[in-house]
N, C-alpha and C. Protein backbone atom coordinates (compact mmCIF):
# COMPACT_ATOMS: atom_id res chain seq x y z
N MET A 1 -70.47 -25.34 -21.85
CA MET A 1 -71.37 -25.88 -22.85
C MET A 1 -71.37 -27.40 -22.70
N ASP A 2 -72.53 -27.99 -22.53
CA ASP A 2 -72.60 -29.44 -22.39
C ASP A 2 -73.19 -30.06 -23.65
N ALA A 3 -73.32 -31.37 -23.66
CA ALA A 3 -73.82 -32.08 -24.84
C ALA A 3 -75.29 -31.77 -25.13
N GLU A 4 -75.98 -31.22 -24.16
CA GLU A 4 -77.39 -30.90 -24.34
C GLU A 4 -77.63 -29.49 -24.86
N SER A 5 -76.56 -28.72 -25.11
CA SER A 5 -76.74 -27.37 -25.60
C SER A 5 -75.82 -27.10 -26.78
N LEU A 6 -76.22 -26.11 -27.58
CA LEU A 6 -75.47 -25.71 -28.76
C LEU A 6 -75.16 -24.22 -28.66
N SER A 7 -74.02 -23.85 -29.17
CA SER A 7 -73.64 -22.44 -29.24
C SER A 7 -74.22 -21.88 -30.54
N CYS A 8 -75.03 -20.84 -30.42
CA CYS A 8 -75.71 -20.28 -31.59
C CYS A 8 -75.64 -18.76 -31.59
N LEU A 9 -75.94 -18.18 -32.75
CA LEU A 9 -76.10 -16.73 -32.86
C LEU A 9 -77.57 -16.45 -33.06
N LEU A 10 -78.09 -15.50 -32.30
CA LEU A 10 -79.44 -14.99 -32.48
C LEU A 10 -79.30 -13.69 -33.26
N ILE A 11 -79.83 -13.69 -34.46
CA ILE A 11 -79.67 -12.58 -35.40
C ILE A 11 -80.98 -11.84 -35.52
N GLY A 12 -80.97 -10.59 -35.14
CA GLY A 12 -82.18 -9.78 -35.24
C GLY A 12 -82.31 -9.15 -36.62
N VAL A 13 -83.49 -9.27 -37.18
CA VAL A 13 -83.86 -8.55 -38.39
C VAL A 13 -85.16 -7.82 -38.04
N HIS A 14 -85.56 -6.88 -38.85
CA HIS A 14 -86.78 -6.14 -38.53
C HIS A 14 -87.99 -7.06 -38.65
N GLY A 15 -88.62 -7.36 -37.53
CA GLY A 15 -89.82 -8.19 -37.52
C GLY A 15 -89.59 -9.65 -37.21
N ALA A 16 -88.35 -10.09 -37.00
CA ALA A 16 -88.08 -11.50 -36.71
C ALA A 16 -86.69 -11.66 -36.11
N ARG A 17 -86.43 -12.86 -35.61
CA ARG A 17 -85.10 -13.25 -35.14
C ARG A 17 -84.75 -14.57 -35.80
N LEU A 18 -83.49 -14.68 -36.19
CA LEU A 18 -83.00 -15.91 -36.80
C LEU A 18 -82.04 -16.58 -35.83
N LEU A 19 -82.02 -17.90 -35.86
CA LEU A 19 -81.12 -18.67 -35.01
C LEU A 19 -80.25 -19.54 -35.91
N VAL A 20 -78.93 -19.37 -35.80
CA VAL A 20 -78.01 -20.18 -36.60
C VAL A 20 -76.92 -20.74 -35.69
N PRO A 21 -76.48 -21.97 -35.95
CA PRO A 21 -75.39 -22.53 -35.14
C PRO A 21 -74.10 -21.78 -35.42
N CYS A 22 -73.30 -21.58 -34.39
CA CYS A 22 -72.03 -20.86 -34.56
C CYS A 22 -71.13 -21.53 -35.58
N GLY A 23 -71.23 -22.84 -35.72
CA GLY A 23 -70.41 -23.56 -36.68
C GLY A 23 -70.68 -23.15 -38.12
N ALA A 24 -71.83 -22.54 -38.40
CA ALA A 24 -72.16 -22.10 -39.75
C ALA A 24 -71.68 -20.68 -40.03
N VAL A 25 -71.22 -19.97 -38.99
CA VAL A 25 -70.84 -18.57 -39.14
C VAL A 25 -69.39 -18.47 -39.61
N VAL A 26 -69.21 -17.78 -40.72
CA VAL A 26 -67.88 -17.54 -41.26
C VAL A 26 -67.31 -16.26 -40.66
N GLU A 27 -68.12 -15.21 -40.66
CA GLU A 27 -67.65 -13.91 -40.18
C GLU A 27 -68.85 -12.99 -39.99
N VAL A 28 -68.71 -12.04 -39.06
CA VAL A 28 -69.69 -10.97 -38.88
C VAL A 28 -68.98 -9.68 -39.26
N LEU A 29 -69.53 -8.98 -40.24
CA LEU A 29 -68.91 -7.78 -40.79
C LEU A 29 -69.73 -6.54 -40.49
N PRO A 30 -69.07 -5.38 -40.45
CA PRO A 30 -69.85 -4.13 -40.37
C PRO A 30 -70.66 -3.99 -41.66
N CYS A 31 -71.72 -3.23 -41.59
CA CYS A 31 -72.57 -3.05 -42.76
C CYS A 31 -71.84 -2.21 -43.81
N VAL A 32 -71.85 -2.70 -45.03
CA VAL A 32 -71.30 -1.98 -46.18
C VAL A 32 -72.33 -2.03 -47.30
N ALA A 33 -72.24 -1.09 -48.22
CA ALA A 33 -73.14 -1.10 -49.36
C ALA A 33 -72.76 -2.26 -50.27
N PRO A 34 -73.72 -3.10 -50.63
CA PRO A 34 -73.40 -4.22 -51.51
C PRO A 34 -73.24 -3.79 -52.96
N GLN A 35 -72.54 -4.62 -53.73
CA GLN A 35 -72.54 -4.46 -55.18
C GLN A 35 -73.95 -4.82 -55.64
N PRO A 36 -74.51 -4.10 -56.59
CA PRO A 36 -75.90 -4.39 -56.98
C PRO A 36 -76.05 -5.79 -57.57
N PRO A 37 -77.25 -6.36 -57.41
CA PRO A 37 -77.50 -7.69 -57.98
C PRO A 37 -77.65 -7.61 -59.50
N ALA A 38 -77.59 -8.76 -60.13
CA ALA A 38 -77.81 -8.83 -61.58
C ALA A 38 -79.25 -8.46 -61.90
N ALA A 39 -79.47 -7.97 -63.09
CA ALA A 39 -80.82 -7.64 -63.53
C ALA A 39 -81.69 -8.89 -63.44
N GLY A 40 -82.91 -8.72 -62.98
CA GLY A 40 -83.84 -9.83 -62.88
C GLY A 40 -83.69 -10.65 -61.61
N ALA A 41 -82.79 -10.27 -60.71
CA ALA A 41 -82.64 -11.00 -59.44
C ALA A 41 -83.88 -10.80 -58.58
N PRO A 42 -84.20 -11.76 -57.74
CA PRO A 42 -85.36 -11.59 -56.87
C PRO A 42 -85.14 -10.42 -55.90
N PRO A 43 -86.20 -9.79 -55.42
CA PRO A 43 -86.05 -8.61 -54.57
C PRO A 43 -85.30 -8.89 -53.26
N TRP A 44 -85.30 -10.13 -52.79
CA TRP A 44 -84.60 -10.44 -51.54
C TRP A 44 -83.10 -10.56 -51.71
N LEU A 45 -82.62 -10.62 -52.95
CA LEU A 45 -81.18 -10.66 -53.19
C LEU A 45 -80.70 -9.22 -53.33
N LEU A 46 -80.03 -8.72 -52.29
CA LEU A 46 -79.64 -7.32 -52.23
C LEU A 46 -78.39 -7.00 -53.03
N GLY A 47 -77.64 -8.02 -53.41
CA GLY A 47 -76.41 -7.83 -54.14
C GLY A 47 -75.34 -8.74 -53.58
N THR A 48 -74.08 -8.32 -53.68
CA THR A 48 -72.98 -9.12 -53.14
C THR A 48 -72.07 -8.24 -52.29
N VAL A 49 -71.40 -8.88 -51.34
CA VAL A 49 -70.40 -8.22 -50.50
C VAL A 49 -69.13 -9.05 -50.53
N LEU A 50 -68.01 -8.41 -50.24
CA LEU A 50 -66.74 -9.14 -50.19
C LEU A 50 -66.48 -9.65 -48.78
N CYS A 51 -66.10 -10.92 -48.70
CA CYS A 51 -65.71 -11.53 -47.43
C CYS A 51 -64.51 -12.41 -47.72
N GLN A 52 -63.40 -12.09 -47.09
CA GLN A 52 -62.17 -12.87 -47.25
C GLN A 52 -61.82 -13.05 -48.73
N GLY A 53 -61.99 -11.97 -49.49
CA GLY A 53 -61.63 -11.98 -50.90
C GLY A 53 -62.63 -12.64 -51.83
N ARG A 54 -63.76 -13.10 -51.29
CA ARG A 54 -64.79 -13.77 -52.10
C ARG A 54 -66.04 -12.90 -52.18
N SER A 55 -66.68 -12.94 -53.32
CA SER A 55 -67.95 -12.25 -53.51
C SER A 55 -69.06 -13.16 -52.98
N VAL A 56 -69.81 -12.64 -52.01
CA VAL A 56 -70.83 -13.44 -51.32
C VAL A 56 -72.20 -12.78 -51.51
N PRO A 57 -73.22 -13.54 -51.93
CA PRO A 57 -74.56 -12.97 -52.10
C PRO A 57 -75.14 -12.53 -50.75
N LEU A 58 -75.76 -11.33 -50.75
CA LEU A 58 -76.36 -10.76 -49.54
C LEU A 58 -77.88 -10.85 -49.64
N ILE A 59 -78.47 -11.49 -48.64
CA ILE A 59 -79.91 -11.72 -48.61
C ILE A 59 -80.57 -10.74 -47.65
N GLY A 60 -81.62 -10.09 -48.12
CA GLY A 60 -82.46 -9.24 -47.27
C GLY A 60 -83.54 -10.13 -46.67
N VAL A 61 -83.36 -10.51 -45.42
CA VAL A 61 -84.26 -11.48 -44.79
C VAL A 61 -85.69 -10.97 -44.73
N GLU A 62 -85.88 -9.68 -44.45
CA GLU A 62 -87.24 -9.14 -44.39
C GLU A 62 -87.98 -9.37 -45.70
N ARG A 63 -87.30 -9.12 -46.79
CA ARG A 63 -87.92 -9.32 -48.11
C ARG A 63 -88.19 -10.80 -48.37
N LEU A 64 -87.26 -11.65 -47.98
CA LEU A 64 -87.43 -13.09 -48.17
C LEU A 64 -88.66 -13.60 -47.41
N LEU A 65 -88.84 -13.08 -46.19
CA LEU A 65 -89.94 -13.53 -45.35
C LEU A 65 -91.25 -12.79 -45.62
N GLY A 66 -91.22 -11.80 -46.51
CA GLY A 66 -92.43 -11.03 -46.80
C GLY A 66 -92.76 -10.02 -45.73
N LEU A 67 -91.76 -9.61 -44.94
CA LEU A 67 -91.96 -8.60 -43.90
C LEU A 67 -91.73 -7.22 -44.50
N ALA A 68 -92.20 -6.20 -43.82
CA ALA A 68 -92.00 -4.84 -44.29
C ALA A 68 -90.51 -4.48 -44.20
N ASP A 69 -90.03 -3.83 -45.25
CA ASP A 69 -88.65 -3.33 -45.23
C ASP A 69 -88.55 -2.22 -44.19
N ALA A 70 -87.46 -2.19 -43.49
CA ALA A 70 -87.19 -1.11 -42.56
C ALA A 70 -85.83 -0.55 -42.92
N PRO A 71 -85.67 0.76 -42.84
CA PRO A 71 -84.37 1.31 -43.20
C PRO A 71 -83.29 0.79 -42.26
N ALA A 72 -82.18 0.38 -42.84
CA ALA A 72 -81.07 -0.15 -42.04
C ALA A 72 -80.34 1.00 -41.37
N ASP A 73 -80.07 0.86 -40.09
CA ASP A 73 -79.22 1.79 -39.36
C ASP A 73 -77.80 1.29 -39.57
N ALA A 74 -77.09 1.91 -40.52
CA ALA A 74 -75.76 1.41 -40.92
C ALA A 74 -74.80 1.32 -39.75
N ALA A 75 -74.97 2.17 -38.75
CA ALA A 75 -74.06 2.14 -37.59
C ALA A 75 -74.27 0.87 -36.77
N ARG A 76 -75.49 0.35 -36.73
CA ARG A 76 -75.79 -0.83 -35.93
C ARG A 76 -75.85 -2.11 -36.76
N ALA A 77 -76.22 -1.99 -38.02
CA ALA A 77 -76.44 -3.17 -38.87
C ALA A 77 -75.13 -3.95 -39.06
N ARG A 78 -75.28 -5.25 -39.25
CA ARG A 78 -74.15 -6.13 -39.49
C ARG A 78 -74.50 -7.06 -40.65
N ILE A 79 -73.46 -7.58 -41.26
CA ILE A 79 -73.61 -8.59 -42.30
C ILE A 79 -73.06 -9.88 -41.71
N VAL A 80 -73.90 -10.91 -41.65
CA VAL A 80 -73.50 -12.20 -41.09
C VAL A 80 -73.27 -13.15 -42.25
N VAL A 81 -72.02 -13.56 -42.43
CA VAL A 81 -71.66 -14.46 -43.52
C VAL A 81 -71.72 -15.88 -42.98
N LEU A 82 -72.45 -16.72 -43.69
CA LEU A 82 -72.68 -18.11 -43.27
C LEU A 82 -72.20 -19.07 -44.36
N ALA A 83 -71.87 -20.27 -43.95
CA ALA A 83 -71.47 -21.31 -44.89
C ALA A 83 -72.50 -22.43 -44.89
N SER A 84 -72.85 -22.87 -46.08
CA SER A 84 -73.71 -24.03 -46.26
C SER A 84 -73.02 -24.91 -47.28
N ASP A 85 -72.44 -26.01 -46.81
CA ASP A 85 -71.59 -26.85 -47.66
C ASP A 85 -70.46 -25.98 -48.22
N ALA A 86 -70.30 -25.96 -49.53
CA ALA A 86 -69.20 -25.19 -50.13
C ALA A 86 -69.63 -23.77 -50.48
N ARG A 87 -70.89 -23.43 -50.28
CA ARG A 87 -71.43 -22.13 -50.69
C ARG A 87 -71.51 -21.19 -49.48
N GLN A 88 -71.14 -19.93 -49.68
CA GLN A 88 -71.31 -18.92 -48.64
C GLN A 88 -72.44 -18.00 -49.03
N LEU A 89 -73.15 -17.51 -48.04
CA LEU A 89 -74.20 -16.52 -48.24
C LEU A 89 -74.18 -15.59 -47.05
N ALA A 90 -74.73 -14.40 -47.23
CA ALA A 90 -74.71 -13.41 -46.16
C ALA A 90 -76.13 -12.92 -45.88
N LEU A 91 -76.39 -12.64 -44.62
CA LEU A 91 -77.68 -12.11 -44.19
C LEU A 91 -77.47 -10.71 -43.62
N LEU A 92 -78.35 -9.79 -43.95
CA LEU A 92 -78.29 -8.45 -43.39
C LEU A 92 -79.02 -8.46 -42.05
N ALA A 93 -78.30 -8.15 -40.98
CA ALA A 93 -78.86 -8.14 -39.62
C ALA A 93 -79.10 -6.70 -39.18
N ALA A 94 -80.12 -6.50 -38.35
CA ALA A 94 -80.45 -5.16 -37.87
C ALA A 94 -79.46 -4.66 -36.82
N GLY A 95 -78.72 -5.55 -36.21
CA GLY A 95 -77.76 -5.17 -35.17
C GLY A 95 -76.75 -6.26 -34.96
N VAL A 96 -75.99 -6.12 -33.90
CA VAL A 96 -74.97 -7.11 -33.57
C VAL A 96 -75.65 -8.39 -33.11
N PRO A 97 -75.33 -9.53 -33.73
CA PRO A 97 -75.93 -10.80 -33.30
C PRO A 97 -75.53 -11.13 -31.86
N GLN A 98 -76.40 -11.86 -31.20
CA GLN A 98 -76.19 -12.23 -29.80
C GLN A 98 -75.79 -13.70 -29.71
N LEU A 99 -74.70 -13.98 -29.01
CA LEU A 99 -74.26 -15.35 -28.78
C LEU A 99 -75.09 -15.94 -27.65
N ILE A 100 -75.73 -17.09 -27.91
CA ILE A 100 -76.54 -17.73 -26.87
C ILE A 100 -76.29 -19.24 -26.86
N ALA A 101 -76.51 -19.83 -25.70
CA ALA A 101 -76.48 -21.29 -25.58
C ALA A 101 -77.92 -21.77 -25.71
N VAL A 102 -78.14 -22.67 -26.64
CA VAL A 102 -79.49 -23.17 -26.93
C VAL A 102 -79.57 -24.63 -26.51
N GLU A 103 -80.51 -24.92 -25.65
CA GLU A 103 -80.72 -26.31 -25.26
C GLU A 103 -81.39 -27.06 -26.41
N ARG A 104 -80.93 -28.27 -26.65
CA ARG A 104 -81.46 -29.05 -27.78
C ARG A 104 -82.98 -29.21 -27.72
N ARG A 105 -83.53 -29.31 -26.54
CA ARG A 105 -84.98 -29.50 -26.41
C ARG A 105 -85.77 -28.29 -26.94
N TRP A 106 -85.13 -27.12 -27.01
CA TRP A 106 -85.80 -25.93 -27.53
C TRP A 106 -85.94 -25.97 -29.04
N LEU A 107 -85.23 -26.89 -29.69
CA LEU A 107 -85.20 -26.90 -31.14
C LEU A 107 -86.36 -27.67 -31.77
N ALA A 108 -87.28 -28.15 -30.96
CA ALA A 108 -88.47 -28.79 -31.50
C ALA A 108 -89.27 -27.75 -32.28
N ALA A 109 -89.82 -28.14 -33.40
CA ALA A 109 -90.57 -27.21 -34.24
C ALA A 109 -91.75 -26.63 -33.48
N ASP A 110 -91.98 -25.34 -33.69
CA ASP A 110 -93.10 -24.63 -33.09
C ASP A 110 -93.97 -24.07 -34.21
N ASP A 111 -94.25 -24.92 -35.20
CA ASP A 111 -94.98 -24.46 -36.38
C ASP A 111 -96.43 -24.91 -36.34
N ALA A 112 -97.31 -23.94 -36.16
CA ALA A 112 -98.74 -24.23 -36.28
C ALA A 112 -99.10 -24.31 -37.76
N GLU A 113 -98.28 -23.69 -38.60
CA GLU A 113 -98.45 -23.72 -40.05
C GLU A 113 -97.07 -23.88 -40.66
N PRO A 114 -97.01 -24.18 -41.94
CA PRO A 114 -95.69 -24.36 -42.55
C PRO A 114 -94.83 -23.10 -42.39
N PRO A 115 -93.52 -23.28 -42.21
CA PRO A 115 -92.66 -22.10 -42.07
C PRO A 115 -92.58 -21.34 -43.39
N PRO A 116 -92.22 -20.07 -43.33
CA PRO A 116 -92.11 -19.28 -44.57
C PRO A 116 -90.97 -19.77 -45.46
N PRO A 117 -90.94 -19.33 -46.71
CA PRO A 117 -89.87 -19.74 -47.63
C PRO A 117 -88.50 -19.39 -47.04
N GLY A 118 -87.55 -20.30 -47.22
CA GLY A 118 -86.20 -20.07 -46.73
C GLY A 118 -86.00 -20.38 -45.26
N VAL A 119 -87.05 -20.91 -44.62
CA VAL A 119 -86.98 -21.21 -43.18
C VAL A 119 -87.20 -22.71 -42.98
N LEU A 120 -86.31 -23.30 -42.20
CA LEU A 120 -86.41 -24.73 -41.89
C LEU A 120 -87.50 -24.97 -40.85
N ARG A 121 -87.47 -24.17 -39.78
CA ARG A 121 -88.50 -24.29 -38.75
C ARG A 121 -88.50 -23.07 -37.85
N ARG A 122 -89.60 -22.93 -37.14
CA ARG A 122 -89.80 -21.89 -36.13
C ARG A 122 -89.62 -22.58 -34.79
N VAL A 123 -88.85 -21.97 -33.87
CA VAL A 123 -88.62 -22.57 -32.56
C VAL A 123 -88.95 -21.55 -31.47
N ARG A 124 -89.31 -22.08 -30.32
CA ARG A 124 -89.62 -21.22 -29.18
C ARG A 124 -88.47 -21.30 -28.19
N LEU A 125 -87.83 -20.17 -27.96
CA LEU A 125 -86.78 -20.05 -26.97
C LEU A 125 -87.40 -19.51 -25.69
N PRO A 126 -86.71 -19.54 -24.56
CA PRO A 126 -87.33 -19.08 -23.31
C PRO A 126 -87.90 -17.67 -23.36
N GLU A 127 -87.24 -16.75 -24.09
CA GLU A 127 -87.69 -15.37 -24.06
C GLU A 127 -88.21 -14.85 -25.39
N THR A 128 -88.17 -15.68 -26.43
CA THR A 128 -88.59 -15.22 -27.75
C THR A 128 -88.82 -16.43 -28.66
N THR A 129 -89.32 -16.17 -29.84
CA THR A 129 -89.35 -17.21 -30.87
C THR A 129 -88.29 -16.85 -31.90
N ALA A 130 -87.84 -17.84 -32.63
CA ALA A 130 -86.82 -17.60 -33.64
C ALA A 130 -87.08 -18.50 -34.84
N LEU A 131 -86.55 -18.08 -35.96
CA LEU A 131 -86.64 -18.85 -37.19
C LEU A 131 -85.27 -19.43 -37.50
N ILE A 132 -85.23 -20.71 -37.82
CA ILE A 132 -83.98 -21.34 -38.24
C ILE A 132 -83.98 -21.32 -39.77
N PRO A 133 -83.06 -20.54 -40.36
CA PRO A 133 -83.05 -20.48 -41.82
C PRO A 133 -82.63 -21.81 -42.43
N ASP A 134 -83.18 -22.11 -43.58
CA ASP A 134 -82.82 -23.32 -44.32
C ASP A 134 -81.64 -22.97 -45.22
N LEU A 135 -80.44 -23.03 -44.65
CA LEU A 135 -79.25 -22.61 -45.37
C LEU A 135 -79.03 -23.43 -46.64
N ALA A 136 -79.30 -24.71 -46.58
CA ALA A 136 -79.12 -25.56 -47.77
C ALA A 136 -80.06 -25.14 -48.89
N ALA A 137 -81.31 -24.85 -48.57
CA ALA A 137 -82.27 -24.43 -49.59
C ALA A 137 -81.91 -23.06 -50.14
N LEU A 138 -81.47 -22.14 -49.27
CA LEU A 138 -81.06 -20.82 -49.74
C LEU A 138 -79.84 -20.92 -50.65
N ALA A 139 -78.86 -21.74 -50.26
CA ALA A 139 -77.66 -21.93 -51.08
C ALA A 139 -78.04 -22.55 -52.43
N ALA A 140 -78.96 -23.51 -52.43
CA ALA A 140 -79.39 -24.14 -53.68
C ALA A 140 -80.10 -23.13 -54.58
N GLU A 141 -80.93 -22.27 -53.99
CA GLU A 141 -81.62 -21.25 -54.78
C GLU A 141 -80.62 -20.25 -55.36
N LEU A 142 -79.63 -19.86 -54.57
CA LEU A 142 -78.59 -18.95 -55.07
C LEU A 142 -77.80 -19.60 -56.20
N GLU A 143 -77.52 -20.88 -56.07
CA GLU A 143 -76.81 -21.62 -57.11
C GLU A 143 -77.66 -21.68 -58.38
N ARG A 144 -78.95 -21.92 -58.22
CA ARG A 144 -79.85 -21.95 -59.36
C ARG A 144 -79.88 -20.59 -60.07
N LEU A 145 -79.96 -19.52 -59.28
CA LEU A 145 -79.97 -18.17 -59.87
C LEU A 145 -78.65 -17.87 -60.59
N ALA A 146 -77.53 -18.29 -59.99
CA ALA A 146 -76.23 -18.06 -60.61
C ALA A 146 -76.11 -18.81 -61.94
N SER A 147 -76.60 -20.05 -61.97
CA SER A 147 -76.48 -20.83 -63.21
C SER A 147 -77.46 -20.34 -64.28
N ALA A 148 -78.55 -19.68 -63.83
CA ALA A 148 -79.52 -19.13 -64.78
C ALA A 148 -79.10 -17.73 -65.25
N GLY A 149 -78.03 -17.21 -64.62
CA GLY A 149 -77.54 -15.89 -65.01
C GLY A 149 -78.28 -14.77 -64.35
N GLY A 150 -79.02 -15.06 -63.22
CA GLY A 150 -79.80 -14.01 -62.56
C GLY A 150 -79.35 -13.72 -61.20
């Protein structure tokens, strides 16, 4: 790995791929049923899962992005726990994330239109496009929901 590349995880969800830096990854867990979310939670908040003794909110990326829900194959699905500042959040992945080296030049925005909610930017990789989630915005929204009691 040189100074011109970053170690990242490519996370597949139904209908999209997410790209996150490895430094943001806390843990990749097998798929487990989450504890249900509080009443009135947005549909993309699937509930909470335990990671290292902490309750972590689980986000359904398809719902967040307005994509069609697809049934999760529990044998293949994974929960990717990420850190944004002091807050942890988890994303439901359709399968095992792929470790890739990303050249910095690939990280230029590829947005013909504004990215969807919860996404910092869309990028074009050599073999696919990917969405970089806005972890800070997602963490702030989760914090807002927690303080509102939802």
